[in-house]
Protein backbone atom coordinates (compact mmCIF):
# COMPACT_ATOMS: atom_id res chain seq x y z
CA MET A 1 50.28 -7.85 105.46
CA ALA A 2 48.12 -8.91 102.56
CA GLU A 3 45.88 -10.95 104.89
CA PHE A 4 45.43 -8.04 107.25
CA THR A 5 44.48 -5.77 104.34
CA ARG A 6 41.92 -8.33 103.30
CA ARG A 7 40.53 -8.52 106.80
CA HIS A 8 40.40 -4.74 107.04
CA PHE A 9 38.44 -4.63 103.79
CA ILE A 10 36.04 -7.28 105.07
CA ARG A 11 35.59 -5.39 108.30
CA THR A 12 34.81 -2.05 106.69
CA GLY A 13 32.43 -3.61 104.18
CA ILE A 14 30.55 -6.24 106.14
CA ALA A 15 31.25 -6.60 109.79
CA GLY A 16 28.74 -5.88 112.50
CA ALA A 17 25.01 -6.11 112.51
CA MET A 18 22.19 -4.64 110.46
CA VAL A 19 20.84 -1.27 111.37
CA THR A 20 22.31 2.24 111.55
CA THR A 21 20.95 4.67 114.07
CA GLY A 22 20.07 7.75 112.03
CA ALA A 23 17.47 6.33 109.66
CA LEU A 24 15.45 4.54 112.36
CA SER A 25 15.90 6.64 115.48
CA ALA A 26 12.68 8.63 115.10
CA LEU A 27 10.19 5.78 114.74
CA GLY A 28 6.70 5.83 116.22
CA ALA A 29 5.62 5.36 119.81
CA ILE A 30 5.21 2.00 121.47
CA PRO A 31 1.74 0.55 120.69
CA ASN A 32 -0.78 0.06 123.53
CA SER A 33 -0.43 -3.72 123.31
CA PRO A 34 3.16 -4.27 122.22
CA ALA A 35 4.08 -7.57 120.66
CA LYS A 36 6.79 -9.76 122.18
CA VAL A 37 9.26 -11.96 120.38
CA ASP A 38 8.40 -15.64 120.52
CA MET A 39 10.61 -18.64 121.28
CA VAL A 40 11.69 -20.99 118.49
CA ASP A 41 13.73 -24.14 118.13
CA LEU A 42 17.24 -23.47 116.83
CA GLY A 43 17.07 -26.21 114.27
CA LYS A 44 17.62 -29.57 115.90
CA THR A 45 20.34 -28.39 118.23
CA GLY A 46 18.10 -28.74 121.27
CA LEU A 47 18.32 -25.05 122.02
CA LYS A 48 15.16 -22.92 122.30
CA VAL A 49 15.91 -19.26 121.59
CA THR A 50 14.03 -16.07 120.96
CA ARG A 51 13.38 -15.53 117.27
CA LEU A 52 15.37 -12.29 117.38
CA ALA A 53 18.85 -11.69 118.85
CA MET A 54 20.38 -8.41 119.84
CA GLY A 55 23.53 -7.92 117.76
CA MET A 56 26.39 -6.02 119.47
CA GLY A 57 28.76 -5.63 116.55
CA THR A 58 27.52 -2.87 114.21
CA ASN A 59 30.74 -1.58 112.64
CA GLY A 60 32.54 -3.73 115.15
CA TRP A 61 36.31 -3.81 115.09
CA ASN A 62 39.34 -2.98 117.22
CA HIS A 63 37.38 -3.79 120.40
CA ALA A 64 34.58 -1.29 119.73
CA SER A 65 31.21 -1.20 117.97
CA ASN A 66 28.29 1.14 117.59
CA GLN A 67 26.71 -0.61 120.54
CA THR A 68 29.65 0.24 122.81
CA ARG A 69 30.08 3.73 121.34
CA ILE A 70 26.64 4.81 122.59
CA GLY A 71 27.96 4.40 126.14
CA LEU A 72 27.07 1.97 128.92
CA GLU A 73 23.97 3.69 130.19
CA LYS A 74 22.33 3.94 126.73
CA PHE A 75 23.43 0.39 126.04
CA LYS A 76 21.62 -0.76 129.18
CA GLN A 77 18.51 1.08 128.04
CA VAL A 78 18.60 -0.66 124.69
CA VAL A 79 19.07 -4.12 126.24
CA GLN A 80 16.29 -3.46 128.74
CA ALA A 81 13.98 -2.41 125.96
CA GLY A 82 14.81 -5.60 124.11
CA PHE A 83 14.19 -7.70 127.17
CA ASP A 84 10.86 -5.98 127.72
CA ARG A 85 9.89 -6.98 124.18
CA GLY A 86 10.81 -10.59 124.78
CA ILE A 87 14.38 -10.71 123.40
CA ARG A 88 16.49 -13.20 125.40
CA PHE A 89 19.41 -13.61 122.97
CA LEU A 90 22.63 -11.57 123.15
CA ASP A 91 24.98 -11.79 120.18
CA THR A 92 28.50 -10.54 120.94
CA ALA A 93 32.06 -11.25 119.79
CA ASP A 94 35.59 -11.12 121.12
CA THR A 95 36.68 -8.45 118.63
CA TYR A 96 33.67 -6.17 119.23
CA GLY A 97 34.74 -5.02 122.69
CA SER A 98 31.21 -5.77 123.87
CA HIS A 99 31.91 -8.50 126.46
CA PRO A 100 32.19 -5.93 129.32
CA TYR A 101 28.91 -4.34 128.19
CA ALA A 102 27.14 -7.72 127.98
CA LYS A 103 28.53 -8.49 131.43
CA GLU A 104 26.75 -5.39 132.77
CA ALA A 105 23.56 -6.42 131.03
CA LEU A 106 23.71 -9.85 132.62
CA LYS A 107 23.73 -8.16 136.04
CA PHE A 108 20.05 -7.22 135.57
CA LEU A 109 19.00 -10.07 133.26
CA PRO A 110 18.32 -13.63 134.49
CA ARG A 111 21.23 -15.64 133.15
CA ASP A 112 19.24 -18.86 132.90
CA GLU A 113 16.77 -17.17 130.52
CA ILE A 114 19.42 -15.69 128.27
CA THR A 115 21.09 -17.27 125.21
CA LEU A 116 24.62 -15.83 125.17
CA MET A 117 26.55 -16.16 121.92
CA THR A 118 30.07 -14.97 121.17
CA LYS A 119 32.58 -15.43 118.39
CA ILE A 120 36.34 -15.96 118.42
CA TRP A 121 38.78 -14.50 115.92
CA THR A 122 41.25 -17.01 114.45
CA ASP A 123 43.94 -14.78 112.89
CA ASN A 124 46.59 -12.85 114.79
CA LEU A 125 46.12 -9.06 114.90
CA ASP A 126 48.32 -6.39 116.44
CA TRP A 127 45.51 -5.31 118.71
CA HIS A 128 44.08 -8.77 119.26
CA PRO A 129 46.82 -11.44 119.70
CA LEU A 130 45.83 -15.06 119.42
CA GLN A 131 45.58 -17.30 122.46
CA PRO A 132 45.15 -21.06 122.75
CA VAL A 133 41.39 -21.79 122.56
CA ASP A 134 41.19 -22.98 126.15
CA LYS A 135 42.76 -19.74 127.41
CA MET A 136 40.50 -17.76 125.14
CA ILE A 137 37.34 -19.40 126.41
CA ASP A 138 38.43 -19.01 130.05
CA ARG A 139 39.17 -15.28 129.47
CA ILE A 140 35.82 -14.74 127.74
CA ARG A 141 33.89 -16.43 130.51
CA GLN A 142 35.73 -14.26 133.00
CA GLU A 143 35.00 -11.11 130.95
CA LEU A 144 31.32 -12.01 130.87
CA GLN A 145 31.33 -13.40 134.39
CA THR A 146 29.49 -16.52 133.33
CA ASP A 147 30.26 -20.18 133.95
CA TYR A 148 29.21 -21.24 130.46
CA LEU A 149 28.59 -19.90 126.97
CA ASP A 150 25.54 -21.00 125.06
CA ILE A 151 27.03 -20.68 121.57
CA VAL A 152 30.57 -19.96 120.35
CA LEU A 153 31.31 -19.43 116.69
CA LEU A 154 34.49 -19.21 114.64
CA HIS A 155 34.21 -15.61 113.47
CA CYS A 156 34.20 -14.54 109.84
CA MET A 157 35.20 -17.61 107.84
CA THR A 158 36.27 -16.42 104.37
CA LYS A 159 37.87 -19.45 102.72
CA ALA A 160 36.39 -22.68 101.45
CA ASN A 161 39.13 -24.70 103.16
CA TRP A 162 38.52 -23.30 106.64
CA THR A 163 37.36 -26.67 107.91
CA GLU A 164 40.93 -27.87 107.37
CA ASP A 165 42.81 -24.64 108.05
CA LYS A 166 41.03 -23.89 111.31
CA LYS A 167 41.04 -27.43 112.66
CA ARG A 168 42.93 -26.58 115.83
CA PHE A 169 40.27 -24.00 116.69
CA MET A 170 37.53 -26.45 115.90
CA ASP A 171 39.16 -29.10 118.11
CA GLY A 172 39.56 -26.54 120.91
CA LEU A 173 35.90 -25.59 120.85
CA SER A 174 34.86 -29.26 120.69
CA GLU A 175 36.93 -29.91 123.83
CA ALA A 176 35.31 -26.96 125.63
CA LYS A 177 31.91 -28.26 124.58
CA SER A 178 32.77 -31.70 125.96
CA LYS A 179 33.59 -30.04 129.31
CA GLY A 180 30.28 -28.27 129.42
CA LEU A 181 31.84 -24.79 129.05
CA ILE A 182 30.00 -24.29 125.70
CA LYS A 183 26.67 -25.72 124.70
CA LYS A 184 26.87 -25.37 120.92
CA ILE A 185 29.59 -24.47 118.42
CA GLY A 186 29.69 -23.26 114.84
CA PHE A 187 30.87 -20.52 112.49
CA SER A 188 29.90 -17.28 110.80
CA ALA A 189 30.44 -17.11 107.02
CA HIS A 190 31.54 -14.18 104.89
CA ASP A 191 32.18 -16.11 101.69
CA PHE A 192 30.04 -18.50 99.63
CA GLY A 193 32.67 -21.26 99.58
CA ALA A 194 33.15 -20.96 103.33
CA LEU A 195 29.42 -21.20 103.91
CA GLU A 196 29.12 -24.22 101.63
CA SER A 197 32.01 -25.98 103.33
CA GLY A 198 30.56 -25.42 106.80
CA VAL A 199 27.06 -26.48 105.85
CA ASN A 200 28.35 -29.77 104.49
CA HIS A 201 30.66 -30.48 107.44
CA ASP A 202 29.56 -32.45 110.50
CA TRP A 203 31.36 -30.22 113.00
CA PRO A 204 29.17 -27.08 113.20
CA ASP A 205 26.01 -27.12 115.30
CA VAL A 206 25.17 -23.54 114.27
CA VAL A 207 25.58 -21.55 111.07
CA LEU A 208 25.48 -17.75 110.93
CA ALA A 209 24.94 -16.47 107.34
CA ARG A 210 24.25 -13.20 105.60
CA ILE A 211 20.81 -13.24 104.02
CA ASN A 212 18.26 -10.72 102.74
CA ASN A 213 16.05 -10.50 99.69
CA LYS A 214 18.17 -7.96 97.77
CA GLN A 215 21.65 -9.53 97.88
CA ILE A 216 23.08 -6.58 99.79
CA LYS A 217 26.32 -7.42 101.69
CA MET A 218 25.80 -11.08 100.90
CA ASP A 219 27.95 -13.95 99.67
CA GLY A 220 25.78 -15.01 96.74
CA THR A 221 22.30 -14.63 95.35
CA PRO A 222 19.44 -15.04 97.87
CA GLU A 223 18.42 -18.21 95.99
CA LYS A 224 21.86 -19.75 96.30
CA ILE A 225 22.24 -18.84 99.97
CA MET A 226 18.75 -20.07 100.79
CA SER A 227 19.56 -23.36 99.08
CA LEU A 228 22.54 -23.87 101.39
CA LEU A 229 20.59 -22.84 104.46
CA GLU A 230 17.88 -25.36 103.59
CA ILE A 231 20.60 -28.06 103.43
CA ALA A 232 21.96 -26.88 106.78
CA GLY A 233 18.50 -27.21 108.35
CA SER A 234 18.05 -30.65 106.86
CA LYS A 235 21.26 -31.69 108.57
CA GLY A 236 19.91 -30.56 111.89
CA LYS A 237 22.01 -27.40 112.20
CA GLY A 238 20.71 -24.24 113.72
CA VAL A 239 20.55 -21.42 111.15
CA LEU A 240 21.00 -17.80 112.18
CA GLY A 241 20.58 -14.96 109.69
CA MET A 242 22.44 -11.66 109.74
CA LYS A 243 22.44 -8.60 107.46
CA ILE A 244 18.67 -8.83 107.27
CA PHE A 245 18.53 -5.12 106.58
CA GLY A 246 21.64 -5.22 104.42
CA CYS A 247 23.90 -3.52 106.98
CA GLY A 248 21.86 -0.36 106.66
CA GLY A 249 21.13 -0.77 102.96
CA LEU A 250 17.46 -1.68 103.40
CA LEU A 251 15.98 1.01 105.61
CA LYS A 252 12.77 2.11 103.90
CA GLU A 253 9.67 0.67 105.62
CA GLU A 254 8.70 -1.48 102.64
CA GLU A 255 12.30 -2.72 102.29
CA ARG A 256 12.52 -3.79 105.93
CA THR A 257 9.20 -5.52 105.80
CA ALA A 258 9.98 -7.30 102.52
CA SER A 259 13.32 -8.60 103.77
CA LEU A 260 11.96 -9.77 107.09
CA LYS A 261 9.11 -11.50 105.28
CA TYR A 262 11.50 -13.18 102.86
CA VAL A 263 13.64 -14.55 105.66
CA VAL A 264 10.85 -15.60 108.01
CA GLN A 265 8.64 -17.21 105.36
CA SER A 266 11.54 -19.16 103.88
CA LYS A 267 11.44 -21.43 106.97
CA ASN A 268 15.18 -21.95 106.37
CA VAL A 269 16.32 -19.35 108.91
CA HIS A 270 15.47 -20.25 112.47
CA ASP A 271 16.65 -17.07 114.09
CA MET A 272 18.05 -13.65 113.11
CA THR A 273 20.40 -11.11 114.72
CA ILE A 274 19.95 -7.36 114.29
CA GLY A 275 22.09 -4.58 115.80
CA PHE A 276 20.07 -1.98 117.66
CA GLU A 277 21.34 1.40 118.94
CA ASP A 278 18.05 2.88 120.19
CA PRO A 279 14.93 1.43 121.82
CA SER A 280 12.78 2.84 119.00
CA GLN A 281 14.54 0.50 116.53
CA ILE A 282 13.67 -2.46 118.75
CA HIS A 283 10.00 -1.51 118.99
CA ASP A 284 9.78 -1.12 115.24
CA ALA A 285 11.59 -4.36 114.44
CA VAL A 286 9.61 -6.47 116.92
CA GLU A 287 6.26 -5.13 115.80
CA ARG A 288 7.17 -5.63 112.14
CA LEU A 289 8.66 -9.12 112.70
CA MET A 290 5.85 -10.50 114.84
CA GLY A 291 3.25 -9.03 112.51
CA ILE A 292 4.76 -11.14 109.76
CA VAL A 293 4.99 -14.21 111.99
CA HIS A 294 1.31 -14.00 113.03
CA HIS A 295 -0.31 -12.53 109.88
CA GLY A 296 2.11 -13.13 107.01
């Protein structure tokens, strides 16, 4: 019971992506020559991905998220808007309830152009019972109606010893990778010790970490997190950033710009994931992000 309470606290405080609808839903019109997200190398993993991923887990828990709560038709509109602005990276998870929604998106998106990432939960929950990893991966592929997954992460690592405690899950993902069912494997961190352990371990190809310039919903100071992400990059790992807008805590225009600039100009974060609930949020984020990329 104590572990579930801890997980529940983690979920309510940090899970999901970065942006809430209300503060950004009335942004300006699409510019005459809209920018598009560029492609980048995900570290030295060999994957080329769009610099921005569409997060599908804002307030995600109990098989639902803000992205599913807006309904399938609105969800499709958001995904299409992202695709039109160059986004080819879908970030989902087993506990978000977003696999069926991503499946519908993949019906009108070219699968070979899309990076599809999901995350697996590694603790038993009443509403989400554990399965062997091979069964889990088969189920997820069926839910998404895809033969392979580009990236699969261990979701929400919160203990420094997870590389020992979660070994059976690590081995299961490694086996699926060897069979070609998954291209790259890794973890998402919600604790400084967990991030440090994963960065210094040979197993992960990909690291997903919370990072912004104001230490909002993060696992340490920006300087300490950046130091670890620099190490991860030096080891060839792909580094993904989340909570760029502090899970809704950095919504003023100057705050969004400053955080994006901090993350992009660090050169330690190869890619970032942001949760969108309205096309206007995508247009704003892409214009802001690519303006920084091209002009600083």
